[in-house]
Amino acid sequence: MEPNKKSNGALVGTIVIIIILVLGGIYMWNSKKANEAVPVNSELNEVENGAAAIQADLELIGTELDGADTNVSGEMDTVE
């Protein structure tokens, strides 16, 4: 009888597939990081202008509230 020969083909194939998967994962991770864009100056300016507009609106509301007549004293019997 001949002795059984061991074949390393399955092990080598598995290692090659694992290496391909790891390299593909690294490629996908790097491409995803590259696609995440940093806001350009025009976008930053829009954000700053929006914040300035909101601040101006809040100041206007505060001014209107300061000048509003909130004196509600009176007789409740006269209200029907």
PDB file of N, CA and C in Angstrom:
ATOM      1  N   MET A   1       0.804  -1.174   0.000  1.00  0.00           N
ATOM      2  CA  MET A   1       0.000   0.000   0.000  1.00  0.00           C
ATOM      3  C   MET A   1       0.857   1.253   0.000  1.00  0.00           C
ATOM      4  N   GLU A   2       0.332   2.261  -0.685  1.00  0.00           N
ATOM      5  CA  GLU A   2       1.067   3.525  -0.736  1.00  0.00           C
ATOM      6  C   GLU A   2       0.615   4.417   0.415  1.00  0.00           C
ATOM      7  N   PRO A   3       1.538   5.165   1.008  1.00  0.00           N
ATOM      8  CA  PRO A   3       1.143   6.084   2.073  1.00  0.00           C
ATOM      9  C   PRO A   3       0.315   7.241   1.509  1.00  0.00           C
ATOM     10  N   ASN A   4      -0.635   7.738   2.304  1.00  0.00           N
ATOM     11  CA  ASN A   4      -1.466   8.880   1.878  1.00  0.00           C
ATOM     12  C   ASN A   4      -0.631  10.149   1.852  1.00  0.00           C
ATOM     13  N   LYS A   5      -0.745  10.861   0.733  1.00  0.00           N
ATOM     14  CA  LYS A   5      -0.018  12.121   0.602  1.00  0.00           C
ATOM     15  C   LYS A   5      -0.919  13.263   1.075  1.00  0.00           C
ATOM     16  N   LYS A   6      -0.364  14.157   1.856  1.00  0.00           N
ATOM     17  CA  LYS A   6      -1.122  15.317   2.319  1.00  0.00           C
ATOM     18  C   LYS A   6      -1.050  16.393   1.248  1.00  0.00           C
ATOM     19  N   SER A   7      -2.187  17.021   1.033  1.00  0.00           N
ATOM     20  CA  SER A   7      -2.239  18.111   0.075  1.00  0.00           C
ATOM     21  C   SER A   7      -2.423  19.414   0.843  1.00  0.00           C
ATOM     22  N   ASN A   8      -1.585  20.370   0.561  1.00  0.00           N
ATOM     23  CA  ASN A   8      -1.662  21.694   1.200  1.00  0.00           C
ATOM     24  C   ASN A   8      -2.438  22.683   0.340  1.00  0.00           C
ATOM     25  N   GLY A   9      -3.100  22.228  -0.698  1.00  0.00           N
ATOM     26  CA  GLY A   9      -3.825  23.111  -1.616  1.00  0.00           C
ATOM     27  C   GLY A   9      -4.951  23.864  -0.933  1.00  0.00           C
ATOM     28  N   ALA A  10      -5.693  23.186  -0.098  1.00  0.00           N
ATOM     29  CA  ALA A  10      -6.809  23.849   0.584  1.00  0.00           C
ATOM     30  C   ALA A  10      -6.302  24.930   1.537  1.00  0.00           C
ATOM     31  N   LEU A  11      -5.229  24.632   2.235  1.00  0.00           N
ATOM     32  CA  LEU A  11      -4.657  25.616   3.166  1.00  0.00           C
ATOM     33  C   LEU A  11      -4.135  26.834   2.415  1.00  0.00           C
ATOM     34  N   VAL A  12      -3.440  26.606   1.324  1.00  0.00           N
ATOM     35  CA  VAL A  12      -2.902  27.721   0.530  1.00  0.00           C
ATOM     36  C   VAL A  12      -4.052  28.549  -0.054  1.00  0.00           C
ATOM     37  N   GLY A  13      -5.092  27.887  -0.552  1.00  0.00           N
ATOM     38  CA  GLY A  13      -6.250  28.610  -1.098  1.00  0.00           C
ATOM     39  C   GLY A  13      -6.929  29.457  -0.051  1.00  0.00           C
ATOM     40  N   THR A  14      -7.079  28.927   1.150  1.00  0.00           N
ATOM     41  CA  THR A  14      -7.705  29.674   2.240  1.00  0.00           C
ATOM     42  C   THR A  14      -6.874  30.900   2.610  1.00  0.00           C
ATOM     43  N   ILE A  15      -5.574  30.717   2.675  1.00  0.00           N
ATOM     44  CA  ILE A  15      -4.679  31.845   3.008  1.00  0.00           C
ATOM     45  C   ILE A  15      -4.757  32.920   1.934  1.00  0.00           C
ATOM     46  N   VAL A  16      -4.788  32.527   0.662  1.00  0.00           N
ATOM     47  CA  VAL A  16      -4.868  33.504  -0.433  1.00  0.00           C
ATOM     48  C   VAL A  16      -6.191  34.272  -0.350  1.00  0.00           C
ATOM     49  N   ILE A  17      -7.285  33.575  -0.085  1.00  0.00           N
ATOM     50  CA  ILE A  17      -8.586  34.250   0.017  1.00  0.00           C
ATOM     51  C   ILE A  17      -8.606  35.221   1.192  1.00  0.00           C
ATOM     52  N   ILE A  18      -8.039  34.841   2.315  1.00  0.00           N
ATOM     53  CA  ILE A  18      -7.985  35.733   3.483  1.00  0.00           C
ATOM     54  C   ILE A  18      -7.164  36.977   3.169  1.00  0.00           C
ATOM     55  N   ILE A  19      -6.048  36.794   2.489  1.00  0.00           N
ATOM     56  CA  ILE A  19      -5.201  37.948   2.126  1.00  0.00           C
ATOM     57  C   ILE A  19      -5.961  38.886   1.198  1.00  0.00           C
ATOM     58  N   ILE A  20      -6.681  38.331   0.223  1.00  0.00           N
ATOM     59  CA  ILE A  20      -7.451  39.160  -0.703  1.00  0.00           C
ATOM     60  C   ILE A  20      -8.538  39.931   0.043  1.00  0.00           C
ATOM     61  N   LEU A  21      -9.217  39.270   0.971  1.00  0.00           N
ATOM     62  CA  LEU A  21     -10.256  39.948   1.750  1.00  0.00           C
ATOM     63  C   LEU A  21      -9.683  41.065   2.614  1.00  0.00           C
ATOM     64  N   VAL A  22      -8.544  40.824   3.228  1.00  0.00           N
ATOM     65  CA  VAL A  22      -7.918  41.859   4.066  1.00  0.00           C
ATOM     66  C   VAL A  22      -7.494  43.047   3.208  1.00  0.00           C
ATOM     67  N   LEU A  23      -6.882  42.797   2.065  1.00  0.00           N
ATOM     68  CA  LEU A  23      -6.455  43.898   1.187  1.00  0.00           C
ATOM     69  C   LEU A  23      -7.668  44.665   0.655  1.00  0.00           C
ATOM     70  N   GLY A  24      -8.741  43.960   0.334  1.00  0.00           N
ATOM     71  CA  GLY A  24      -9.956  44.631  -0.119  1.00  0.00           C
ATOM     72  C   GLY A  24     -10.571  45.486   0.976  1.00  0.00           C
ATOM     73  N   GLY A  25     -10.549  44.993   2.205  1.00  0.00           N
ATOM     74  CA  GLY A  25     -11.066  45.774   3.326  1.00  0.00           C
ATOM     75  C   GLY A  25     -10.256  47.033   3.560  1.00  0.00           C
ATOM     76  N   ILE A  26      -8.947  46.918   3.471  1.00  0.00           N
ATOM     77  CA  ILE A  26      -8.079  48.100   3.641  1.00  0.00           C
ATOM     78  C   ILE A  26      -8.342  49.108   2.530  1.00  0.00           C
ATOM     79  N   TYR A  27      -8.495  48.617   1.295  1.00  0.00           N
ATOM     80  CA  TYR A  27      -8.772  49.509   0.167  1.00  0.00           C
ATOM     81  C   TYR A  27     -10.099  50.243   0.371  1.00  0.00           C
ATOM     82  N   MET A  28     -11.137  49.507   0.769  1.00  0.00           N
ATOM     83  CA  MET A  28     -12.451  50.124   0.979  1.00  0.00           C
ATOM     84  C   MET A  28     -12.406  51.143   2.118  1.00  0.00           C
ATOM     85  N   TRP A  29     -11.687  50.823   3.188  1.00  0.00           N
ATOM     86  CA  TRP A  29     -11.591  51.732   4.326  1.00  0.00           C
ATOM     87  C   TRP A  29     -10.893  53.026   3.915  1.00  0.00           C
ATOM     88  N   ASN A  30      -9.796  52.908   3.163  1.00  0.00           N
ATOM     89  CA  ASN A  30      -9.063  54.101   2.723  1.00  0.00           C
ATOM     90  C   ASN A  30      -9.883  54.919   1.737  1.00  0.00           C
ATOM     91  N   SER A  31     -10.618  54.276   0.845  1.00  0.00           N
ATOM     92  CA  SER A  31     -11.429  55.028  -0.113  1.00  0.00           C
ATOM     93  C   SER A  31     -12.582  55.730   0.591  1.00  0.00           C
ATOM     94  N   LYS A  32     -13.129  55.132   1.648  1.00  0.00           N
ATOM     95  CA  LYS A  32     -14.202  55.776   2.404  1.00  0.00           C
ATOM     96  C   LYS A  32     -13.667  57.001   3.134  1.00  0.00           C
ATOM     97  N   LYS A  33     -12.473  56.906   3.705  1.00  0.00           N
ATOM     98  CA  LYS A  33     -11.879  58.045   4.395  1.00  0.00           C
ATOM     99  C   LYS A  33     -11.601  59.174   3.417  1.00  0.00           C
ATOM    100  N   ALA A  34     -11.200  58.843   2.190  1.00  0.00           N
ATOM    101  CA  ALA A  34     -10.891  59.868   1.199  1.00  0.00           C
ATOM    102  C   ALA A  34     -12.156  60.571   0.728  1.00  0.00           C
ATOM    103  N   ASN A  35     -13.305  59.872   0.728  1.00  0.00           N
ATOM    104  CA  ASN A  35     -14.551  60.465   0.266  1.00  0.00           C
ATOM    105  C   ASN A  35     -15.173  61.399   1.284  1.00  0.00           C
ATOM    106  N   GLU A  36     -14.787  61.288   2.548  1.00  0.00           N
ATOM    107  CA  GLU A  36     -15.305  62.192   3.568  1.00  0.00           C
ATOM    108  C   GLU A  36     -14.643  63.544   3.384  1.00  0.00           C
ATOM    109  N   ALA A  37     -15.389  64.444   2.783  1.00  0.00           N
ATOM    110  CA  ALA A  37     -14.823  65.736   2.416  1.00  0.00           C
ATOM    111  C   ALA A  37     -14.833  66.685   3.604  1.00  0.00           C
ATOM    112  N   VAL A  38     -13.788  67.454   3.692  1.00  0.00           N
ATOM    113  CA  VAL A  38     -13.702  68.512   4.687  1.00  0.00           C
ATOM    114  C   VAL A  38     -14.423  69.716   4.099  1.00  0.00           C
ATOM    115  N   PRO A  39     -15.260  70.398   4.865  1.00  0.00           N
ATOM    116  CA  PRO A  39     -15.979  71.545   4.305  1.00  0.00           C
ATOM    117  C   PRO A  39     -15.013  72.578   3.741  1.00  0.00           C
ATOM    118  N   VAL A  40     -15.326  73.052   2.557  1.00  0.00           N
ATOM    119  CA  VAL A  40     -14.488  74.074   1.934  1.00  0.00           C
ATOM    120  C   VAL A  40     -14.847  75.426   2.504  1.00  0.00           C
ATOM    121  N   ASN A  41     -14.063  76.410   2.161  1.00  0.00           N
ATOM    122  CA  ASN A  41     -14.239  77.742   2.742  1.00  0.00           C
ATOM    123  C   ASN A  41     -15.620  78.314   2.477  1.00  0.00           C
ATOM    124  N   SER A  42     -16.188  78.057   1.282  1.00  0.00           N
ATOM    125  CA  SER A  42     -17.501  78.617   0.989  1.00  0.00           C
ATOM    126  C   SER A  42     -18.563  78.026   1.913  1.00  0.00           C
ATOM    127  N   GLU A  43     -18.448  76.732   2.210  1.00  0.00           N
ATOM    128  CA  GLU A  43     -19.402  76.122   3.127  1.00  0.00           C
ATOM    129  C   GLU A  43     -19.228  76.676   4.536  1.00  0.00           C
ATOM    130  N   LEU A  44     -17.998  76.903   4.950  1.00  0.00           N
ATOM    131  CA  LEU A  44     -17.754  77.483   6.267  1.00  0.00           C
ATOM    132  C   LEU A  44     -18.313  78.893   6.346  1.00  0.00           C
ATOM    133  N   ASN A  45     -18.173  79.649   5.268  1.00  0.00           N
ATOM    134  CA  ASN A  45     -18.720  81.003   5.252  1.00  0.00           C
ATOM    135  C   ASN A  45     -20.232  80.981   5.361  1.00  0.00           C
ATOM    136  N   GLU A  46     -20.883  80.010   4.685  1.00  0.00           N
ATOM    137  CA  GLU A  46     -22.335  79.897   4.778  1.00  0.00           C
ATOM    138  C   GLU A  46     -22.759  79.594   6.213  1.00  0.00           C
ATOM    139  N   VAL A  47     -22.017  78.734   6.875  1.00  0.00           N
ATOM    140  CA  VAL A  47     -22.338  78.397   8.259  1.00  0.00           C
ATOM    141  C   VAL A  47     -22.154  79.611   9.153  1.00  0.00           C
ATOM    142  N   GLU A  48     -21.075  80.347   8.957  1.00  0.00           N
ATOM    143  CA  GLU A  48     -20.837  81.536   9.769  1.00  0.00           C
ATOM    144  C   GLU A  48     -21.903  82.595   9.514  1.00  0.00           C
ATOM    145  N   ASN A  49     -22.298  82.764   8.235  1.00  0.00           N
ATOM    146  CA  ASN A  49     -23.347  83.744   7.918  1.00  0.00           C
ATOM    147  C   ASN A  49     -24.670  83.326   8.526  1.00  0.00           C
ATOM    148  N   GLY A  50     -24.961  82.038   8.515  1.00  0.00           N
ATOM    149  CA  GLY A  50     -26.194  81.546   9.125  1.00  0.00           C
ATOM    150  C   GLY A  50     -26.200  81.786  10.621  1.00  0.00           C
ATOM    151  N   ALA A  51     -25.051  81.556  11.258  1.00  0.00           N
ATOM    152  CA  ALA A  51     -24.953  81.782  12.699  1.00  0.00           C
ATOM    153  C   ALA A  51     -25.113  83.262  13.022  1.00  0.00           C
ATOM    154  N   ALA A  52     -24.550  84.130  12.184  1.00  0.00           N
ATOM    155  CA  ALA A  52     -24.681  85.567  12.409  1.00  0.00           C
ATOM    156  C   ALA A  52     -26.137  86.004  12.239  1.00  0.00           C
ATOM    157  N   ALA A  53     -26.835  85.419  11.274  1.00  0.00           N
ATOM    158  CA  ALA A  53     -28.243  85.763  11.053  1.00  0.00           C
ATOM    159  C   ALA A  53     -29.092  85.310  12.238  1.00  0.00           C
ATOM    160  N   ILE A  54     -28.819  84.139  12.742  1.00  0.00           N
ATOM    161  CA  ILE A  54     -29.562  83.638  13.899  1.00  0.00           C
ATOM    162  C   ILE A  54     -29.317  84.530  15.111  1.00  0.00           C
ATOM    163  N   GLN A  55     -28.074  84.935  15.305  1.00  0.00           N
ATOM    164  CA  GLN A  55     -27.740  85.817  16.422  1.00  0.00           C
ATOM    165  C   GLN A  55     -28.474  87.149  16.289  1.00  0.00           C
ATOM    166  N   ALA A  56     -28.538  87.695  15.086  1.00  0.00           N
ATOM    167  CA  ALA A  56     -29.242  88.963  14.871  1.00  0.00           C
ATOM    168  C   ALA A  56     -30.735  88.804  15.156  1.00  0.00           C
ATOM    169  N   ASP A  57     -31.307  87.677  14.733  1.00  0.00           N
ATOM    170  CA  ASP A  57     -32.731  87.427  15.008  1.00  0.00           C
ATOM    171  C   ASP A  57     -32.988  87.333  16.510  1.00  0.00           C
ATOM    172  N   LEU A  58     -32.108  86.658  17.222  1.00  0.00           N
ATOM    173  CA  LEU A  58     -32.276  86.530  18.667  1.00  0.00           C
ATOM    174  C   LEU A  58     -32.178  87.878  19.362  1.00  0.00           C
ATOM    175  N   GLU A  59     -31.267  88.719  18.906  1.00  0.00           N
ATOM    176  CA  GLU A  59     -31.145  90.049  19.495  1.00  0.00           C
ATOM    177  C   GLU A  59     -32.394  90.880  19.228  1.00  0.00           C
ATOM    178  N   LEU A  60     -32.967  90.750  18.024  1.00  0.00           N
ATOM    179  CA  LEU A  60     -34.184  91.475  17.687  1.00  0.00           C
ATOM    180  C   LEU A  60     -35.353  91.014  18.550  1.00  0.00           C
ATOM    181  N   ILE A  61     -35.462  89.717  18.735  1.00  0.00           N
ATOM    182  CA  ILE A  61     -36.531  89.186  19.591  1.00  0.00           C
ATOM    183  C   ILE A  61     -36.357  89.692  21.025  1.00  0.00           C
ATOM    184  N   GLY A  62     -35.125  89.703  21.524  1.00  0.00           N
ATOM    185  CA  GLY A  62     -34.867  90.199  22.873  1.00  0.00           C
ATOM    186  C   GLY A  62     -35.249  91.658  23.016  1.00  0.00           C
ATOM    187  N   THR A  63     -34.950  92.460  21.998  1.00  0.00           N
ATOM    188  CA  THR A  63     -35.298  93.885  22.029  1.00  0.00           C
ATOM    189  C   THR A  63     -36.812  94.062  22.036  1.00  0.00           C
ATOM    190  N   GLU A  64     -37.504  93.261  21.209  1.00  0.00           N
ATOM    191  CA  GLU A  64     -38.964  93.357  21.178  1.00  0.00           C
ATOM    192  C   GLU A  64     -39.576  92.933  22.506  1.00  0.00           C
ATOM    193  N   LEU A  65     -39.028  91.918  23.133  1.00  0.00           N
ATOM    194  CA  LEU A  65     -39.554  91.472  24.421  1.00  0.00           C
ATOM    195  C   LEU A  65     -39.307  92.498  25.514  1.00  0.00           C
ATOM    196  N   ASP A  66     -38.162  93.187  25.448  1.00  0.00           N
ATOM    197  CA  ASP A  66     -37.869  94.215  26.446  1.00  0.00           C
ATOM    198  C   ASP A  66     -38.862  95.369  26.350  1.00  0.00           C
ATOM    199  N   GLY A  67     -39.326  95.697  25.150  1.00  0.00           N
ATOM    200  CA  GLY A  67     -40.234  96.828  24.966  1.00  0.00           C
ATOM    201  C   GLY A  67     -41.698  96.453  25.065  1.00  0.00           C
ATOM    202  N   ALA A  68     -42.011  95.184  25.213  1.00  0.00           N
ATOM    203  CA  ALA A  68     -43.408  94.752  25.245  1.00  0.00           C
ATOM    204  C   ALA A  68     -44.052  95.103  26.578  1.00  0.00           C
ATOM    205  N   ASP A  69     -45.325  95.461  26.510  1.00  0.00           N
ATOM    206  CA  ASP A  69     -46.085  95.777  27.724  1.00  0.00           C
ATOM    207  C   ASP A  69     -46.615  94.476  28.304  1.00  0.00           C
ATOM    208  N   THR A  70     -46.063  94.086  29.423  1.00  0.00           N
ATOM    209  CA  THR A  70     -46.480  92.829  30.042  1.00  0.00           C
ATOM    210  C   THR A  70     -47.292  93.065  31.307  1.00  0.00           C
ATOM    211  N   ASN A  71     -47.762  94.278  31.506  1.00  0.00           N
ATOM    212  CA  ASN A  71     -48.557  94.618  32.666  1.00  0.00           C
ATOM    213  C   ASN A  71     -49.990  94.142  32.413  1.00  0.00           C
ATOM    214  N   VAL A  72     -50.389  93.098  33.089  1.00  0.00           N
ATOM    215  CA  VAL A  72     -51.710  92.522  32.872  1.00  0.00           C
ATOM    216  C   VAL A  72     -52.595  92.681  34.106  1.00  0.00           C
ATOM    217  N   SER A  73     -52.220  93.619  34.970  1.00  0.00           N
ATOM    218  CA  SER A  73     -53.035  93.806  36.178  1.00  0.00           C
ATOM    219  C   SER A  73     -54.368  94.428  35.805  1.00  0.00           C
ATOM    220  N   GLY A  74     -55.373  94.054  36.487  1.00  0.00           N
ATOM    221  CA  GLY A  74     -56.713  94.568  36.220  1.00  0.00           C
ATOM    222  C   GLY A  74     -57.705  93.768  37.033  1.00  0.00           C
ATOM    223  N   GLU A  75     -58.915  94.152  36.933  1.00  0.00           N
ATOM    224  CA  GLU A  75     -59.932  93.463  37.667  1.00  0.00           C
ATOM    225  C   GLU A  75     -60.452  92.306  36.828  1.00  0.00           C
ATOM    226  N   MET A  76     -60.506  91.165  37.433  1.00  0.00           N
ATOM    227  CA  MET A  76     -60.964  89.976  36.730  1.00  0.00           C
ATOM    228  C   MET A  76     -62.480  89.928  36.634  1.00  0.00           C
ATOM    229  N   ASP A  77     -63.179  90.722  37.464  1.00  0.00           N
ATOM    230  CA  ASP A  77     -64.634  90.725  37.434  1.00  0.00           C
ATOM    231  C   ASP A  77     -65.181  91.380  36.180  1.00  0.00           C
ATOM    232  N   THR A  78     -64.403  92.256  35.576  1.00  0.00           N
ATOM    233  CA  THR A  78     -64.899  92.974  34.412  1.00  0.00           C
ATOM    234  C   THR A  78     -64.773  92.160  33.129  1.00  0.00           C
ATOM    235  N   VAL A  79     -64.033  91.107  33.184  1.00  0.00           N
ATOM    236  CA  VAL A  79     -63.835  90.282  31.972  1.00  0.00           C
ATOM    237  C   VAL A  79     -64.959  89.291  31.878  1.00  0.00           C
ATOM    238  N   GLU A  80     -65.645  89.243  30.741  1.00  0.00           N
ATOM    239  CA  GLU A  80     -66.760  88.310  30.583  1.00  0.00           C
ATOM    240  C   GLU A  80     -66.401  87.228  29.624  1.00  0.00           C
TER     241      GLU A  80
END
